Structures are given as structure tokens and as C-alpha cells.
Amino acid sequence: MRILDLVLELIYPKRCVICGEILNYGDKSIMCVGCAEKERYADYADYKLAAAQSCHGEAYFDSCACVYYYDFVKYAVEHFKFKGFKRDSIPLGQLMYRFGSERNIFDNIDFMTAVPVHKDRMKERGFNHAYELAKVLEKYTDIPVCGDMLVRVKKTKPQYLLSPEERRENITGAFKAENIEKIRNKNIMLIDDIFTTGGTANECARVLKESGAKSVHVFELSQSSVLK
């Protein structure tokens, strides 16, 4: 079995999830030495203010945590999200778990759910990247993931390209709650990959709150550099 592992690793060498550099055979690390030395957490930003200013004038989520600044994980997100490397969700989810567990953000959470993608995006990519990250977190936290709480019913444009007025029009009505009985009086964690303007997370939180959620806590892999 060890010989087979060696052959497979020679054919498909393990790479740093952050920059793609090939790691040494047998290296159990998620990232290379260079990326590990540059690793910095995005521990603070006023996410609620950003979301309120983005479109609604009010933040509907109760808290938000983002692991890294987007600049640090740009290659990783593009490789995972746009090039179809679905298995990248495993190391990226592990990094999210490490960050979240150190800060106790999983305490008292009843369910996790992911920001849903439009059906056209699902056809293009073949998977929902946020849901894949949530499934990894489920494995480490034992918090169940519900993929049927939210559905995206409107195909939207990227929020960061739009003015506040356009963002409001773009994102309003983009999501619909389903299986309301799972939402009522529950503390829900919403998973996604990039917090940019906060409009998408905030609209999801609004829909969940209006469907009876007790609290909504946003957890993202990264945040846009505009919030530094």
C-alpha cells in the first residue's frame, strides 16, 4: 500500500493549497513554509457596518468571522471555485475549522447552511463551493449542515461592481427560505468563501431571520481587502 501511495503522490504530488507549490513527499502540511510564514488572520473588521452600508441600511446577522484577507487566498479560491478542484474544500475547510475552534465560534450553533448558488452556476461549476466547505466543517464540529434551508431564486451580478442602490436592487429577493420548521428558533451559521460588500450574507440573514431564526452567524474563508 505504501508503494501505491508513493506512485500516486509522484503522479499527483501534494501541493500547497494557498499558492500551489509542490510539497515534499510525505509532508502532511496544508501550506508550504513560505505561505505559513505569511499567514495572517483577518481577525477584526466591522462587518455589520459594512453590510448595513452595502444595501439594506441594517445588518441582520448577529456576528461575522472571516479567516483570511482575500489577497492571501486568491489562488486557493480561484483554483477551488472556478477551476473545479472540489477536493480543495478539505484543506480549506480544515483551515476554517482551526480558526473557528480557537475562537469558539461554533458554540451553541444548531445548524450550518451555505449561501446557495443559482441553478445556472451549479450547471457551470458542478458543485456549490460554500456547501462543500460547510460539509468539511460538519465533519469536525458535528454540527449538521442543512442544504435545504435557502434557495437562490434570482441570478445576481457581483455586488462589488455595483453602487449601493444597485446592490439593494440586485440582491433583494435573491433568496427564499424553505423547510421553515428547521429554521424557527434555531441558531444558524451561514458559510461562504468571500465577504466582499456583505450584501449577500446580509440578505441571506434577513431571509432566515424573517423565517424565525433565533440568530444568524456568518463564517467565511476570506474577506475583501476593502475592509482592511
C-alpha atoms as a PDB file:
ATOM      1  CA  MET A   1       0.000   0.000   0.000  1.00  0.00           C
ATOM      2  CA  ARG A   2       2.899   2.342   0.756  1.00  0.00           C
ATOM      3  CA  ILE A   3       4.318   1.728  -2.738  1.00  0.00           C
ATOM      4  CA  LEU A   4       0.925   2.593  -4.246  1.00  0.00           C
ATOM      5  CA  ASP A   5       0.788   5.783  -2.170  1.00  0.00           C
ATOM      6  CA  LEU A   6       4.249   6.722  -3.393  1.00  0.00           C
ATOM      7  CA  VAL A   7       3.282   6.149  -7.041  1.00  0.00           C
ATOM      8  CA  LEU A   8       0.100   8.192  -6.644  1.00  0.00           C
ATOM      9  CA  GLU A   9       1.970  11.029  -4.969  1.00  0.00           C
ATOM     10  CA  LEU A  10       4.560  11.030  -7.746  1.00  0.00           C
ATOM     11  CA  ILE A  11       1.778  11.288 -10.334  1.00  0.00           C
ATOM     12  CA  TYR A  12      -0.367  13.678  -8.298  1.00  0.00           C
ATOM     13  CA  PRO A  13       2.059  15.472  -5.958  1.00  0.00           C
ATOM     14  CA  LYS A  14       0.625  17.215  -2.924  1.00  0.00           C
ATOM     15  CA  ARG A  15       0.571  20.976  -3.312  1.00  0.00           C
ATOM     16  CA  CYS A  16       0.236  23.950  -1.005  1.00  0.00           C
ATOM     17  CA  VAL A  17      -3.457  24.836  -1.035  1.00  0.00           C
ATOM     18  CA  ILE A  18      -2.625  28.543  -0.750  1.00  0.00           C
ATOM     19  CA  CYS A  19      -0.146  29.006  -3.633  1.00  0.00           C
ATOM     20  CA  GLY A  20       0.030  25.652  -5.429  1.00  0.00           C
ATOM     21  CA  GLU A  21       3.716  24.949  -4.728  1.00  0.00           C
ATOM     22  CA  ILE A  22       4.584  21.230  -4.706  1.00  0.00           C
ATOM     23  CA  LEU A  23       5.265  19.950  -1.188  1.00  0.00           C
ATOM     24  CA  ASN A  24       7.864  17.357  -0.274  1.00  0.00           C
ATOM     25  CA  TYR A  25       6.787  13.718  -0.351  1.00  0.00           C
ATOM     26  CA  GLY A  26       5.173  12.751   2.933  1.00  0.00           C
ATOM     27  CA  ASP A  27       4.629  16.347   4.030  1.00  0.00           C
ATOM     28  CA  LYS A  28       1.359  16.471   5.973  1.00  0.00           C
ATOM     29  CA  SER A  29       1.147  20.270   5.886  1.00  0.00           C
ATOM     30  CA  ILE A  30      -1.697  22.144   4.242  1.00  0.00           C
ATOM     31  CA  MET A  31       0.501  25.019   3.107  1.00  0.00           C
ATOM     32  CA  CYS A  32       4.151  25.488   2.197  1.00  0.00           C
ATOM     33  CA  VAL A  33       6.704  27.104   4.517  1.00  0.00           C
ATOM     34  CA  GLY A  34       6.559  30.394   2.619  1.00  0.00           C
ATOM     35  CA  CYS A  35       2.786  30.698   2.932  1.00  0.00           C
ATOM     36  CA  ALA A  36       2.860  29.594   6.562  1.00  0.00           C
ATOM     37  CA  GLU A  37       5.292  32.424   7.313  1.00  0.00           C
ATOM     38  CA  LYS A  38       2.982  34.942   5.607  1.00  0.00           C
ATOM     39  CA  GLU A  39      -0.205  33.611   7.211  1.00  0.00           C
ATOM     40  CA  ARG A  40      -2.168  36.369   8.941  1.00  0.00           C
ATOM     41  CA  TYR A  41      -5.731  36.221  10.186  1.00  0.00           C
ATOM     42  CA  ALA A  42      -8.352  38.832   9.373  1.00  0.00           C
ATOM     43  CA  ASP A  43      -9.349  38.949  12.999  1.00  0.00           C
ATOM     44  CA  TYR A  44     -11.258  42.189  13.016  1.00  0.00           C
ATOM     45  CA  ALA A  45     -13.353  44.342  10.751  1.00  0.00           C
ATOM     46  CA  ASP A  46     -16.718  45.988  11.294  1.00  0.00           C
ATOM     47  CA  TYR A  47     -18.635  43.501   9.178  1.00  0.00           C
ATOM     48  CA  LYS A  48     -22.035  44.610  10.427  1.00  0.00           C
ATOM     49  CA  LEU A  49     -21.322  48.209   9.453  1.00  0.00           C
ATOM     50  CA  ALA A  50     -20.087  47.095   6.024  1.00  0.00           C
ATOM     51  CA  ALA A  51     -23.217  45.029   5.461  1.00  0.00           C
ATOM     52  CA  ALA A  52     -25.515  47.824   6.620  1.00  0.00           C
ATOM     53  CA  GLN A  53     -23.835  50.325   4.309  1.00  0.00           C
ATOM     54  CA  SER A  54     -23.826  47.858   1.431  1.00  0.00           C
ATOM     55  CA  CYS A  55     -27.522  47.816   0.688  1.00  0.00           C
ATOM     56  CA  HIS A  56     -30.156  47.463   3.412  1.00  0.00           C
ATOM     57  CA  GLY A  57     -29.106  50.108   5.916  1.00  0.00           C
ATOM     58  CA  GLU A  58     -29.305  47.418   8.595  1.00  0.00           C
ATOM     59  CA  ALA A  59     -27.245  44.336   9.454  1.00  0.00           C
ATOM     60  CA  TYR A  60     -29.430  41.277  10.007  1.00  0.00           C
ATOM     61  CA  PHE A  61     -26.756  38.816  11.067  1.00  0.00           C
ATOM     62  CA  ASP A  62     -25.641  38.648  14.695  1.00  0.00           C
ATOM     63  CA  SER A  63     -21.930  38.129  14.117  1.00  0.00           C
ATOM     64  CA  CYS A  64     -19.415  37.550  11.350  1.00  0.00           C
ATOM     65  CA  ALA A  65     -15.949  35.988  11.265  1.00  0.00           C
ATOM     66  CA  CYS A  66     -13.598  35.722   8.285  1.00  0.00           C
ATOM     67  CA  VAL A  67     -10.371  33.722   8.378  1.00  0.00           C
ATOM     68  CA  TYR A  68      -8.056  35.483   5.909  1.00  0.00           C
ATOM     69  CA  TYR A  69      -7.778  38.566   3.739  1.00  0.00           C
ATOM     70  CA  TYR A  70      -8.670  37.611   0.189  1.00  0.00           C
ATOM     71  CA  ASP A  71      -5.230  38.558  -1.138  1.00  0.00           C
ATOM     72  CA  PHE A  72      -3.725  35.656   0.806  1.00  0.00           C
ATOM     73  CA  VAL A  73      -6.133  33.009  -0.526  1.00  0.00           C
ATOM     74  CA  LYS A  74      -6.800  34.382  -4.026  1.00  0.00           C
ATOM     75  CA  TYR A  75      -5.076  31.475  -5.798  1.00  0.00           C
ATOM     76  CA  ALA A  76      -6.757  28.947  -3.494  1.00  0.00           C
ATOM     77  CA  VAL A  77     -10.259  30.334  -4.050  1.00  0.00           C
ATOM     78  CA  GLU A  78      -9.862  30.562  -7.828  1.00  0.00           C
ATOM     79  CA  HIS A  79      -8.403  27.037  -8.022  1.00  0.00           C
ATOM     80  CA  PHE A  80     -11.223  25.638  -5.887  1.00  0.00           C
ATOM     81  CA  LYS A  81     -14.160  27.686  -7.069  1.00  0.00           C
ATOM     82  CA  PHE A  82     -13.535  28.378 -10.738  1.00  0.00           C
ATOM     83  CA  LYS A  83     -11.232  25.553 -11.873  1.00  0.00           C
ATOM     84  CA  GLY A  84     -13.295  22.769 -10.380  1.00  0.00           C
ATOM     85  CA  PHE A  85     -10.889  21.355  -7.798  1.00  0.00           C
ATOM     86  CA  LYS A  86     -13.648  20.262  -5.442  1.00  0.00           C
ATOM     87  CA  ARG A  87     -11.295  18.382  -3.110  1.00  0.00           C
ATOM     88  CA  ASP A  88      -9.640  21.681  -2.165  1.00  0.00           C
ATOM     89  CA  SER A  89     -12.610  22.089   0.157  1.00  0.00           C
ATOM     90  CA  ILE A  90     -10.925  19.634   2.541  1.00  0.00           C
ATOM     91  CA  PRO A  91      -7.766  21.632   3.409  1.00  0.00           C
ATOM     92  CA  LEU A  92      -9.603  24.954   3.152  1.00  0.00           C
ATOM     93  CA  GLY A  93     -12.325  23.669   5.458  1.00  0.00           C
ATOM     94  CA  GLN A  94      -9.655  22.444   7.865  1.00  0.00           C
ATOM     95  CA  LEU A  95      -8.152  25.932   7.975  1.00  0.00           C
ATOM     96  CA  MET A  96     -11.593  27.388   8.682  1.00  0.00           C
ATOM     97  CA  TYR A  97     -12.155  24.856  11.454  1.00  0.00           C
ATOM     98  CA  ARG A  98      -8.816  25.632  13.089  1.00  0.00           C
ATOM     99  CA  PHE A  99      -9.595  29.354  13.113  1.00  0.00           C
ATOM    100  CA  GLY A 100     -13.172  28.908  14.321  1.00  0.00           C
ATOM    101  CA  SER A 101     -12.436  26.394  17.056  1.00  0.00           C
ATOM    102  CA  GLU A 102      -9.704  28.619  18.505  1.00  0.00           C
ATOM    103  CA  ARG A 103     -12.285  31.394  18.818  1.00  0.00           C
ATOM    104  CA  ASN A 104     -15.197  29.210  19.985  1.00  0.00           C
ATOM    105  CA  ILE A 105     -17.437  30.440  17.183  1.00  0.00           C
ATOM    106  CA  PHE A 106     -19.115  27.036  16.834  1.00  0.00           C
ATOM    107  CA  ASP A 107     -20.513  27.130  20.369  1.00  0.00           C
ATOM    108  CA  ASN A 108     -24.322  26.980  20.589  1.00  0.00           C
ATOM    109  CA  ILE A 109     -24.827  26.623  16.822  1.00  0.00           C
ATOM    110  CA  ASP A 110     -27.746  24.321  15.938  1.00  0.00           C
ATOM    111  CA  PHE A 111     -27.286  24.077  12.178  1.00  0.00           C
ATOM    112  CA  MET A 112     -24.973  25.251   9.435  1.00  0.00           C
ATOM    113  CA  THR A 113     -26.128  26.219   5.969  1.00  0.00           C
ATOM    114  CA  ALA A 114     -24.329  27.551   2.902  1.00  0.00           C
ATOM    115  CA  VAL A 115     -25.021  30.547   0.707  1.00  0.00           C
ATOM    116  CA  PRO A 116     -26.791  28.871  -2.219  1.00  0.00           C
ATOM    117  CA  VAL A 117     -25.764  29.290  -5.844  1.00  0.00           C
ATOM    118  CA  HIS A 118     -28.145  29.789  -8.735  1.00  0.00           C
ATOM    119  CA  LYS A 119     -29.019  26.692 -10.761  1.00  0.00           C
ATOM    120  CA  ASP A 120     -27.151  28.094 -13.772  1.00  0.00           C
ATOM    121  CA  ARG A 121     -23.976  28.439 -11.684  1.00  0.00           C
ATOM    122  CA  MET A 122     -24.435  24.878 -10.455  1.00  0.00           C
ATOM    123  CA  LYS A 123     -24.504  23.671 -14.054  1.00  0.00           C
ATOM    124  CA  GLU A 124     -21.317  25.617 -14.815  1.00  0.00           C
ATOM    125  CA  ARG A 125     -19.319  24.559 -11.744  1.00  0.00           C
ATOM    126  CA  GLY A 126     -20.877  21.240 -10.849  1.00  0.00           C
ATOM    127  CA  PHE A 127     -20.945  21.983  -7.122  1.00  0.00           C
ATOM    128  CA  ASN A 128     -21.648  24.697  -4.561  1.00  0.00           C
ATOM    129  CA  HIS A 129     -18.264  25.667  -3.121  1.00  0.00           C
ATOM    130  CA  ALA A 130     -19.780  27.086   0.087  1.00  0.00           C
ATOM    131  CA  TYR A 131     -21.709  23.870   0.718  1.00  0.00           C
ATOM    132  CA  GLU A 132     -18.533  21.815   0.262  1.00  0.00           C
ATOM    133  CA  LEU A 133     -16.758  23.934   2.878  1.00  0.00           C
ATOM    134  CA  ALA A 134     -19.733  23.501   5.213  1.00  0.00           C
ATOM    135  CA  LYS A 135     -19.604  19.716   4.813  1.00  0.00           C
ATOM    136  CA  VAL A 136     -15.955  19.698   5.915  1.00  0.00           C
ATOM    137  CA  LEU A 137     -16.844  21.820   8.946  1.00  0.00           C
ATOM    138  CA  GLU A 138     -19.678  19.414   9.746  1.00  0.00           C
ATOM    139  CA  LYS A 139     -17.166  16.555   9.926  1.00  0.00           C
ATOM    140  CA  TYR A 140     -15.018  18.368  12.502  1.00  0.00           C
ATOM    141  CA  THR A 141     -17.738  20.045  14.567  1.00  0.00           C
ATOM    142  CA  ASP A 142     -20.593  17.511  14.412  1.00  0.00           C
ATOM    143  CA  ILE A 143     -22.920  20.439  13.660  1.00  0.00           C
ATOM    144  CA  PRO A 144     -25.340  19.268  10.943  1.00  0.00           C
ATOM    145  CA  VAL A 145     -25.396  21.035   7.593  1.00  0.00           C
ATOM    146  CA  CYS A 146     -28.803  21.743   6.085  1.00  0.00           C
ATOM    147  CA  GLY A 147     -28.640  22.280   2.355  1.00  0.00           C
ATOM    148  CA  ASP A 148     -32.365  22.872   2.034  1.00  0.00           C
ATOM    149  CA  MET A 149     -32.873  25.985   4.177  1.00  0.00           C
ATOM    150  CA  LEU A 150     -32.161  28.537   1.469  1.00  0.00           C
ATOM    151  CA  VAL A 151     -32.525  28.545  -2.295  1.00  0.00           C
ATOM    152  CA  ARG A 152     -31.282  31.198  -4.702  1.00  0.00           C
ATOM    153  CA  VAL A 153     -34.167  32.175  -6.963  1.00  0.00           C
ATOM    154  CA  LYS A 154     -32.549  35.128  -8.711  1.00  0.00           C
ATOM    155  CA  LYS A 155     -29.305  35.228 -10.679  1.00  0.00           C
ATOM    156  CA  THR A 156     -27.349  38.230  -9.428  1.00  0.00           C
ATOM    157  CA  LYS A 157     -24.397  40.294 -10.587  1.00  0.00           C
ATOM    158  CA  PRO A 158     -21.229  40.583  -8.464  1.00  0.00           C
ATOM    159  CA  GLN A 159     -22.080  43.053  -5.683  1.00  0.00           C
ATOM    160  CA  TYR A 160     -18.702  44.820  -5.633  1.00  0.00           C
ATOM    161  CA  LEU A 161     -19.290  46.117  -9.177  1.00  0.00           C
ATOM    162  CA  LEU A 162     -22.443  48.000  -8.175  1.00  0.00           C
ATOM    163  CA  SER A 163     -23.429  51.167  -6.346  1.00  0.00           C
ATOM    164  CA  PRO A 164     -25.299  50.858  -3.010  1.00  0.00           C
ATOM    165  CA  GLU A 165     -28.618  51.462  -4.782  1.00  0.00           C
ATOM    166  CA  GLU A 166     -27.821  48.872  -7.448  1.00  0.00           C
ATOM    167  CA  ARG A 167     -26.694  46.390  -4.795  1.00  0.00           C
ATOM    168  CA  ARG A 168     -30.012  46.725  -2.992  1.00  0.00           C
ATOM    169  CA  GLU A 169     -31.955  46.044  -6.196  1.00  0.00           C
ATOM    170  CA  ASN A 170     -29.567  43.273  -7.245  1.00  0.00           C
ATOM    171  CA  ILE A 171     -29.685  41.214  -4.053  1.00  0.00           C
ATOM    172  CA  THR A 172     -33.207  41.871  -2.739  1.00  0.00           C
ATOM    173  CA  GLY A 173     -35.403  38.857  -3.407  1.00  0.00           C
ATOM    174  CA  ALA A 174     -32.459  36.712  -4.493  1.00  0.00           C
ATOM    175  CA  PHE A 175     -33.066  34.069  -1.792  1.00  0.00           C
ATOM    176  CA  LYS A 176     -36.043  32.167  -0.472  1.00  0.00           C
ATOM    177  CA  ALA A 177     -36.320  30.139   2.730  1.00  0.00           C
ATOM    178  CA  GLU A 178     -37.512  26.550   2.627  1.00  0.00           C
ATOM    179  CA  ASN A 179     -38.333  23.995   5.340  1.00  0.00           C
ATOM    180  CA  ILE A 180     -39.202  26.758   7.784  1.00  0.00           C
ATOM    181  CA  GLU A 181     -39.620  24.267  10.635  1.00  0.00           C
ATOM    182  CA  LYS A 182     -35.833  23.729  10.605  1.00  0.00           C
ATOM    183  CA  ILE A 183     -35.197  27.461  10.898  1.00  0.00           C
ATOM    184  CA  ARG A 184     -37.562  28.553  13.683  1.00  0.00           C
ATOM    185  CA  ASN A 185     -35.840  29.375  16.986  1.00  0.00           C
ATOM    186  CA  LYS A 186     -32.506  27.981  15.784  1.00  0.00           C
ATOM    187  CA  ASN A 187     -29.002  29.430  15.934  1.00  0.00           C
ATOM    188  CA  ILE A 188     -27.720  29.138  12.369  1.00  0.00           C
ATOM    189  CA  MET A 189     -24.230  29.520  10.944  1.00  0.00           C
ATOM    190  CA  LEU A 190     -24.055  30.728   7.342  1.00  0.00           C
ATOM    191  CA  ILE A 191     -20.978  29.573   5.389  1.00  0.00           C
ATOM    192  CA  ASP A 192     -19.409  31.215   2.312  1.00  0.00           C
ATOM    193  CA  ASP A 193     -15.983  31.891   0.787  1.00  0.00           C
ATOM    194  CA  ILE A 194     -15.627  35.686   0.419  1.00  0.00           C
ATOM    195  CA  PHE A 195     -17.171  38.571   2.350  1.00  0.00           C
ATOM    196  CA  THR A 196     -16.934  41.497  -0.057  1.00  0.00           C
ATOM    197  CA  THR A 197     -19.667  44.062   0.479  1.00  0.00           C
ATOM    198  CA  GLY A 198     -21.650  41.929   2.910  1.00  0.00           C
ATOM    199  CA  GLY A 199     -24.806  42.271   0.854  1.00  0.00           C
ATOM    200  CA  THR A 200     -25.184  38.576   0.025  1.00  0.00           C
ATOM    201  CA  ALA A 201     -24.638  37.360   3.595  1.00  0.00           C
ATOM    202  CA  ASN A 202     -26.929  40.079   4.905  1.00  0.00           C
ATOM    203  CA  GLU A 203     -29.753  39.195   2.526  1.00  0.00           C
ATOM    204  CA  CYS A 204     -29.472  35.523   3.482  1.00  0.00           C
ATOM    205  CA  ALA A 205     -29.539  36.517   7.151  1.00  0.00           C
ATOM    206  CA  ARG A 206     -32.584  38.712   6.587  1.00  0.00           C
ATOM    207  CA  VAL A 207     -34.497  35.847   4.971  1.00  0.00           C
ATOM    208  CA  LEU A 208     -33.511  33.447   7.761  1.00  0.00           C
ATOM    209  CA  LYS A 209     -34.446  35.938  10.496  1.00  0.00           C
ATOM    210  CA  GLU A 210     -37.797  36.686   8.876  1.00  0.00           C
ATOM    211  CA  SER A 211     -38.389  32.921   8.745  1.00  0.00           C
ATOM    212  CA  GLY A 212     -37.932  32.671  12.512  1.00  0.00           C
ATOM    213  CA  ALA A 213     -34.214  32.037  13.066  1.00  0.00           C
ATOM    214  CA  LYS A 214     -33.142  32.910  16.610  1.00  0.00           C
ATOM    215  CA  SER A 215     -29.700  34.080  15.430  1.00  0.00           C
ATOM    216  CA  VAL A 216     -27.537  34.011  12.309  1.00  0.00           C
ATOM    217  CA  HIS A 217     -23.742  33.903  12.458  1.00  0.00           C
ATOM    218  CA  VAL A 218     -21.735  34.363   9.263  1.00  0.00           C
ATOM    219  CA  PHE A 219     -18.466  32.468   8.793  1.00  0.00           C
ATOM    220  CA  GLU A 220     -16.352  32.994   5.658  1.00  0.00           C
ATOM    221  CA  LEU A 221     -12.991  31.810   4.399  1.00  0.00           C
ATOM    222  CA  SER A 222     -11.904  35.338   3.485  1.00  0.00           C
ATOM    223  CA  GLN A 223     -12.803  38.979   3.402  1.00  0.00           C
ATOM    224  CA  SER A 224     -12.167  41.534   0.726  1.00  0.00           C
ATOM    225  CA  SER A 225      -9.200  43.870   1.191  1.00  0.00           C
ATOM    226  CA  VAL A 226     -11.595  46.844   1.077  1.00  0.00           C
ATOM    227  CA  LEU A 227     -12.389  46.054   4.715  1.00  0.00           C
ATOM    228  CA  LYS A 228      -8.777  46.159   5.967  1.00  0.00           C
END
